Amino acid sequence: MHFLINRRTDYAVRVILGLAKYPAGTRVSAQQLSEDMLIPLPMLYSLLKELARARLIRTYPGAGGGVELAHDPEDITLWDVVVAVDRPPQVSECVDHPGSCPFAPTCPVRRRWARIQHLIQEELEGVTFAELVQEAQASMFALPPDPGADGAQTP
């Protein structure tokens, strides 16, 4: 079974969550994001490249640069982040590769695996970062400091 939220995926979610709490257009330095979301800087740089390639964030090099979300947090889902840095969750190989099992055409278990896989995807697609920011602000989860704090720059 390949459905594991590994550390890399968890860090990618933290990156988007850390950026989602800022107003649109706010650029945050990689150093500040690393400190706020407890992500080792080398790992962060690697993730920023992947998230930029997936067009979830925009990066700006140099002095006054930084990173910002490329979309409204309402338009970015957990699914978007998971597939940007990892492969889509796979409950069983037989779901995506029915030829791998001789029982696939009539297997009742395969149908259940497919249903579970669909439910996982549906749930991840249904959770936006706008919702996560609201939930974090209503809970004890510590988000980075308010916008405008050290390291955050508005264009």
C-alpha atoms as a PDB file:
ATOM      1  CA  MET A   1       0.000   0.000   0.000  1.00  0.00           C
ATOM      2  CA  HIS A   2       1.383   3.410  -0.894  1.00  0.00           C
ATOM      3  CA  PHE A   3      -0.410   5.990   1.089  1.00  0.00           C
ATOM      4  CA  LEU A   4       1.901   7.537   3.516  1.00  0.00           C
ATOM      5  CA  ILE A   5       2.184  11.207   4.258  1.00  0.00           C
ATOM      6  CA  ASN A   6       5.951  11.282   4.467  1.00  0.00           C
ATOM      7  CA  ARG A   7       8.014  14.063   6.001  1.00  0.00           C
ATOM      8  CA  ARG A   8       8.594  15.711   2.610  1.00  0.00           C
ATOM      9  CA  THR A   9       4.855  15.892   1.907  1.00  0.00           C
ATOM     10  CA  ASP A  10       4.197  17.133   5.430  1.00  0.00           C
ATOM     11  CA  TYR A  11       6.771  19.897   4.949  1.00  0.00           C
ATOM     12  CA  ALA A  12       5.201  20.866   1.607  1.00  0.00           C
ATOM     13  CA  VAL A  13       1.831  21.213   3.341  1.00  0.00           C
ATOM     14  CA  ARG A  14       3.515  23.368   5.985  1.00  0.00           C
ATOM     15  CA  VAL A  15       4.981  25.621   3.266  1.00  0.00           C
ATOM     16  CA  ILE A  16       1.579  26.294   1.733  1.00  0.00           C
ATOM     17  CA  LEU A  17      -0.079  26.668   5.145  1.00  0.00           C
ATOM     18  CA  GLY A  18       2.632  29.081   6.257  1.00  0.00           C
ATOM     19  CA  LEU A  19       2.133  31.222   3.149  1.00  0.00           C
ATOM     20  CA  ALA A  20      -1.666  30.973   3.182  1.00  0.00           C
ATOM     21  CA  LYS A  21      -1.983  32.991   6.352  1.00  0.00           C
ATOM     22  CA  TYR A  22      -0.513  36.099   4.714  1.00  0.00           C
ATOM     23  CA  PRO A  23      -2.536  38.517   2.582  1.00  0.00           C
ATOM     24  CA  ALA A  24      -2.350  37.993  -1.182  1.00  0.00           C
ATOM     25  CA  GLY A  25       0.838  39.380  -2.689  1.00  0.00           C
ATOM     26  CA  THR A  26       2.868  39.132   0.522  1.00  0.00           C
ATOM     27  CA  ARG A  27       6.359  37.820  -0.098  1.00  0.00           C
ATOM     28  CA  VAL A  28       7.976  35.848   2.679  1.00  0.00           C
ATOM     29  CA  SER A  29      11.701  35.084   2.808  1.00  0.00           C
ATOM     30  CA  ALA A  30      12.742  31.445   2.698  1.00  0.00           C
ATOM     31  CA  GLN A  31      14.609  31.971   5.959  1.00  0.00           C
ATOM     32  CA  GLN A  32      11.475  33.274   7.688  1.00  0.00           C
ATOM     33  CA  LEU A  33       9.340  30.452   6.292  1.00  0.00           C
ATOM     34  CA  SER A  34      11.931  27.914   7.420  1.00  0.00           C
ATOM     35  CA  GLU A  35      11.909  29.314  10.950  1.00  0.00           C
ATOM     36  CA  ASP A  36       8.140  29.778  11.175  1.00  0.00           C
ATOM     37  CA  MET A  37       7.213  26.324   9.929  1.00  0.00           C
ATOM     38  CA  LEU A  38      10.205  24.404  11.356  1.00  0.00           C
ATOM     39  CA  ILE A  39      11.452  23.182   7.981  1.00  0.00           C
ATOM     40  CA  PRO A  40      15.191  22.666   7.457  1.00  0.00           C
ATOM     41  CA  LEU A  41      16.380  25.252   4.925  1.00  0.00           C
ATOM     42  CA  PRO A  42      17.920  22.758   2.435  1.00  0.00           C
ATOM     43  CA  MET A  43      14.645  20.786   2.369  1.00  0.00           C
ATOM     44  CA  LEU A  44      12.681  24.021   2.015  1.00  0.00           C
ATOM     45  CA  TYR A  45      14.680  25.105  -1.043  1.00  0.00           C
ATOM     46  CA  SER A  46      14.029  21.749  -2.687  1.00  0.00           C
ATOM     47  CA  LEU A  47      10.300  21.949  -1.939  1.00  0.00           C
ATOM     48  CA  LEU A  48      10.056  25.536  -3.169  1.00  0.00           C
ATOM     49  CA  LYS A  49      11.379  24.418  -6.558  1.00  0.00           C
ATOM     50  CA  GLU A  50       8.777  21.650  -6.786  1.00  0.00           C
ATOM     51  CA  LEU A  51       5.912  23.815  -5.581  1.00  0.00           C
ATOM     52  CA  ALA A  52       6.905  26.540  -8.066  1.00  0.00           C
ATOM     53  CA  ARG A  53       7.086  23.956 -10.862  1.00  0.00           C
ATOM     54  CA  ALA A  54       3.557  22.873  -9.895  1.00  0.00           C
ATOM     55  CA  ARG A  55       2.552  26.563 -10.030  1.00  0.00           C
ATOM     56  CA  LEU A  56       1.343  26.634  -6.448  1.00  0.00           C
ATOM     57  CA  ILE A  57       3.821  29.334  -5.443  1.00  0.00           C
ATOM     58  CA  ARG A  58       5.838  32.105  -7.073  1.00  0.00           C
ATOM     59  CA  THR A  59       9.454  32.715  -6.159  1.00  0.00           C
ATOM     60  CA  TYR A  60      11.332  35.995  -6.488  1.00  0.00           C
ATOM     61  CA  PRO A  61      15.130  35.908  -6.266  1.00  0.00           C
ATOM     62  CA  GLY A  62      17.411  38.525  -4.790  1.00  0.00           C
ATOM     63  CA  ALA A  63      17.047  41.313  -2.294  1.00  0.00           C
ATOM     64  CA  GLY A  64      13.397  42.085  -1.700  1.00  0.00           C
ATOM     65  CA  GLY A  65      12.519  38.713  -3.161  1.00  0.00           C
ATOM     66  CA  GLY A  66      10.870  35.838  -1.407  1.00  0.00           C
ATOM     67  CA  VAL A  67       8.020  33.478  -2.003  1.00  0.00           C
ATOM     68  CA  GLU A  68       4.245  33.894  -2.229  1.00  0.00           C
ATOM     69  CA  LEU A  69       1.223  31.808  -3.092  1.00  0.00           C
ATOM     70  CA  ALA A  70       0.345  31.753  -6.774  1.00  0.00           C
ATOM     71  CA  HIS A  71      -3.371  31.309  -6.016  1.00  0.00           C
ATOM     72  CA  ASP A  72      -5.889  32.203  -3.371  1.00  0.00           C
ATOM     73  CA  PRO A  73      -5.725  29.716  -0.456  1.00  0.00           C
ATOM     74  CA  GLU A  74      -9.357  28.881  -1.253  1.00  0.00           C
ATOM     75  CA  ASP A  75      -8.157  27.483  -4.587  1.00  0.00           C
ATOM     76  CA  ILE A  76      -5.339  25.270  -3.263  1.00  0.00           C
ATOM     77  CA  THR A  77      -6.226  21.883  -1.791  1.00  0.00           C
ATOM     78  CA  LEU A  78      -4.334  19.238   0.128  1.00  0.00           C
ATOM     79  CA  TRP A  79      -4.574  17.096  -3.010  1.00  0.00           C
ATOM     80  CA  ASP A  80      -2.768  19.781  -5.041  1.00  0.00           C
ATOM     81  CA  VAL A  81       0.148  19.762  -2.621  1.00  0.00           C
ATOM     82  CA  VAL A  82       0.340  15.984  -2.239  1.00  0.00           C
ATOM     83  CA  VAL A  83       0.535  15.387  -5.997  1.00  0.00           C
ATOM     84  CA  ALA A  84       2.962  18.299  -6.458  1.00  0.00           C
ATOM     85  CA  VAL A  85       5.643  16.666  -4.306  1.00  0.00           C
ATOM     86  CA  ASP A  86       4.684  12.986  -4.294  1.00  0.00           C
ATOM     87  CA  ARG A  87       2.746  10.583  -6.438  1.00  0.00           C
ATOM     88  CA  PRO A  88      -1.018  10.312  -5.930  1.00  0.00           C
ATOM     89  CA  PRO A  89      -2.023   8.047  -3.042  1.00  0.00           C
ATOM     90  CA  GLN A  90      -2.399   4.433  -4.066  1.00  0.00           C
ATOM     91  CA  VAL A  91      -4.289   2.059  -1.808  1.00  0.00           C
ATOM     92  CA  SER A  92      -3.474  -1.017  -3.887  1.00  0.00           C
ATOM     93  CA  GLU A  93      -1.576  -1.567  -7.112  1.00  0.00           C
ATOM     94  CA  CYS A  94      -4.527  -3.493  -8.520  1.00  0.00           C
ATOM     95  CA  VAL A  95      -6.653  -0.323  -8.574  1.00  0.00           C
ATOM     96  CA  ASP A  96      -4.402   1.531 -10.996  1.00  0.00           C
ATOM     97  CA  HIS A  97      -3.003  -1.571 -12.718  1.00  0.00           C
ATOM     98  CA  PRO A  98      -5.804  -4.148 -12.945  1.00  0.00           C
ATOM     99  CA  GLY A  99      -3.632  -6.434 -15.081  1.00  0.00           C
ATOM    100  CA  SER A 100      -1.361  -6.989 -12.094  1.00  0.00           C
ATOM    101  CA  CYS A 101      -3.924  -9.333 -10.554  1.00  0.00           C
ATOM    102  CA  PRO A 102      -5.558 -12.331 -12.250  1.00  0.00           C
ATOM    103  CA  PHE A 103      -8.709 -11.815 -10.169  1.00  0.00           C
ATOM    104  CA  ALA A 104      -9.149  -8.124 -11.043  1.00  0.00           C
ATOM    105  CA  PRO A 105     -12.190  -8.334 -13.340  1.00  0.00           C
ATOM    106  CA  THR A 106     -14.386  -9.936 -10.677  1.00  0.00           C
ATOM    107  CA  CYS A 107     -12.563  -9.229  -7.434  1.00  0.00           C
ATOM    108  CA  PRO A 108     -14.806  -7.754  -4.720  1.00  0.00           C
ATOM    109  CA  VAL A 109     -11.753  -6.553  -2.769  1.00  0.00           C
ATOM    110  CA  ARG A 110     -10.453  -4.539  -5.728  1.00  0.00           C
ATOM    111  CA  ARG A 111     -13.762  -2.672  -5.904  1.00  0.00           C
ATOM    112  CA  ARG A 112     -13.415  -1.792  -2.197  1.00  0.00           C
ATOM    113  CA  TRP A 113      -9.812  -0.664  -2.652  1.00  0.00           C
ATOM    114  CA  ALA A 114     -10.911   1.521  -5.553  1.00  0.00           C
ATOM    115  CA  ARG A 115     -13.688   3.033  -3.451  1.00  0.00           C
ATOM    116  CA  ILE A 116     -11.316   3.756  -0.572  1.00  0.00           C
ATOM    117  CA  GLN A 117      -8.792   5.314  -2.946  1.00  0.00           C
ATOM    118  CA  HIS A 118     -11.525   7.490  -4.441  1.00  0.00           C
ATOM    119  CA  LEU A 119     -12.655   8.592  -0.971  1.00  0.00           C
ATOM    120  CA  ILE A 120      -9.097   9.562  -0.006  1.00  0.00           C
ATOM    121  CA  GLN A 121      -8.710  11.635  -3.150  1.00  0.00           C
ATOM    122  CA  GLU A 122     -12.124  13.209  -2.702  1.00  0.00           C
ATOM    123  CA  GLU A 123     -11.329  14.164   0.895  1.00  0.00           C
ATOM    124  CA  LEU A 124      -7.942  15.661  -0.006  1.00  0.00           C
ATOM    125  CA  GLU A 125      -9.523  17.607  -2.870  1.00  0.00           C
ATOM    126  CA  GLY A 126     -12.175  18.932  -0.515  1.00  0.00           C
ATOM    127  CA  VAL A 127      -9.791  20.515   1.995  1.00  0.00           C
ATOM    128  CA  THR A 128      -8.592  23.993   1.057  1.00  0.00           C
ATOM    129  CA  PHE A 129      -5.811  25.961   2.674  1.00  0.00           C
ATOM    130  CA  ALA A 130      -8.262  28.747   3.453  1.00  0.00           C
ATOM    131  CA  GLU A 131     -10.141  26.260   5.655  1.00  0.00           C
ATOM    132  CA  LEU A 132      -6.919  25.051   7.257  1.00  0.00           C
ATOM    133  CA  VAL A 133      -5.839  28.603   8.108  1.00  0.00           C
ATOM    134  CA  GLN A 134      -9.242  29.275   9.697  1.00  0.00           C
ATOM    135  CA  GLU A 135      -9.047  26.060  11.703  1.00  0.00           C
ATOM    136  CA  ALA A 136      -5.487  26.821  12.801  1.00  0.00           C
ATOM    137  CA  GLN A 137      -6.437  30.303  13.940  1.00  0.00           C
ATOM    138  CA  ALA A 138      -9.320  28.872  15.953  1.00  0.00           C
ATOM    139  CA  SER A 139      -7.129  26.261  17.630  1.00  0.00           C
ATOM    140  CA  MET A 140      -3.939  26.131  19.601  1.00  0.00           C
ATOM    141  CA  PHE A 141      -1.853  25.474  16.457  1.00  0.00           C
ATOM    142  CA  ALA A 142       0.828  28.130  16.196  1.00  0.00           C
ATOM    143  CA  LEU A 143       0.966  29.797  12.816  1.00  0.00           C
ATOM    144  CA  PRO A 144       3.776  32.174  11.901  1.00  0.00           C
ATOM    145  CA  PRO A 145       3.599  35.710  13.313  1.00  0.00           C
ATOM    146  CA  ASP A 146       1.211  38.285  11.921  1.00  0.00           C
ATOM    147  CA  PRO A 147       1.886  39.621   8.394  1.00  0.00           C
ATOM    148  CA  GLY A 148       4.393  42.417   8.404  1.00  0.00           C
ATOM    149  CA  ALA A 149       6.596  40.727  11.000  1.00  0.00           C
ATOM    150  CA  ASP A 150      10.340  40.384  10.414  1.00  0.00           C
ATOM    151  CA  GLY A 151      11.096  38.702   7.106  1.00  0.00           C
ATOM    152  CA  ALA A 152       7.702  39.344   5.565  1.00  0.00           C
ATOM    153  CA  GLN A 153       7.620  41.941   2.863  1.00  0.00           C
ATOM    154  CA  THR A 154       4.722  43.341   0.971  1.00  0.00           C
ATOM    155  CA  PRO A 155       5.382  44.301  -2.643  1.00  0.00           C
END
